[in-house]
Amino acid sequence: MKQFPIYDESIHASLERYHEHWDQWEDEDPLAPFGAVNGLLPNRPAAEAIALRALVMRWTLPEKDCHWSSLQEAVDNMCQVSLKVEDMVPFPYLNKIKYSLHARLDAYARIVLALSQILGLFADYFFSTNSQSFVVDKDFELIRSLAWNDNREIMVAAFIILQQRCSVAVVQIRRNFNKLDRILLARDETLSVASYNST
């Protein structure tokens, strides 16, 4: 319990680990609403479509283990939890008592990881600097404090902060999706006008 495993991995690795495989021949392209045709965004490099598709899938797909139907739903449910000191599970450790959130910890860690991956990918896409990028839980410090701690009051406070930061992350992600939508729509409109004027 002390060494709680958190897979700080790429978004593509997490898609393989936590979500059903996307079949490009059978399943609808998650980028179709953004104008993708045959798996590609018009006049954009293939790498861009791959990155954005991973981002959309991580945000919208349900988890294999049924932790959530969508990431936004998971955050909404998490933010409705009212944690109490009695919810912390005691563990004997070196003649002392340590506490852990235990059963729900894995689900919350997955939420933080997914939000962090999406925000990080958006930051890369929009060329944001580290100082401009919102960080949900730096080095998973809040999650780790919920995994193993000797002070239950601190754990409750950490969870409240984590709820707030996850809620802010959702707002940031929505804004980024709106920004992405405006960029791609503007591109489509420009191409349409150019095509129309050339005839």
Foldseek 3Di string as FASTA:
>chain_A
DLCDDFPLDALVVCCVVWADDDDLVPDDQLCVVLPDDSQHHPPDDNVVSVLVSSLSCLAQPATPVRCDRGLVVNLVVLLVDQDDLVCWDWDDDPNAIKTANPPCLVSLSSSLSSLQNNQVSLCVVVVNDPVPGQHLDVVCPLSSCRGIGRDSVVNSVSSNSSSVSSVVSVVVSVVSVVVSSVVSVVVVVVVVVVVVVVD
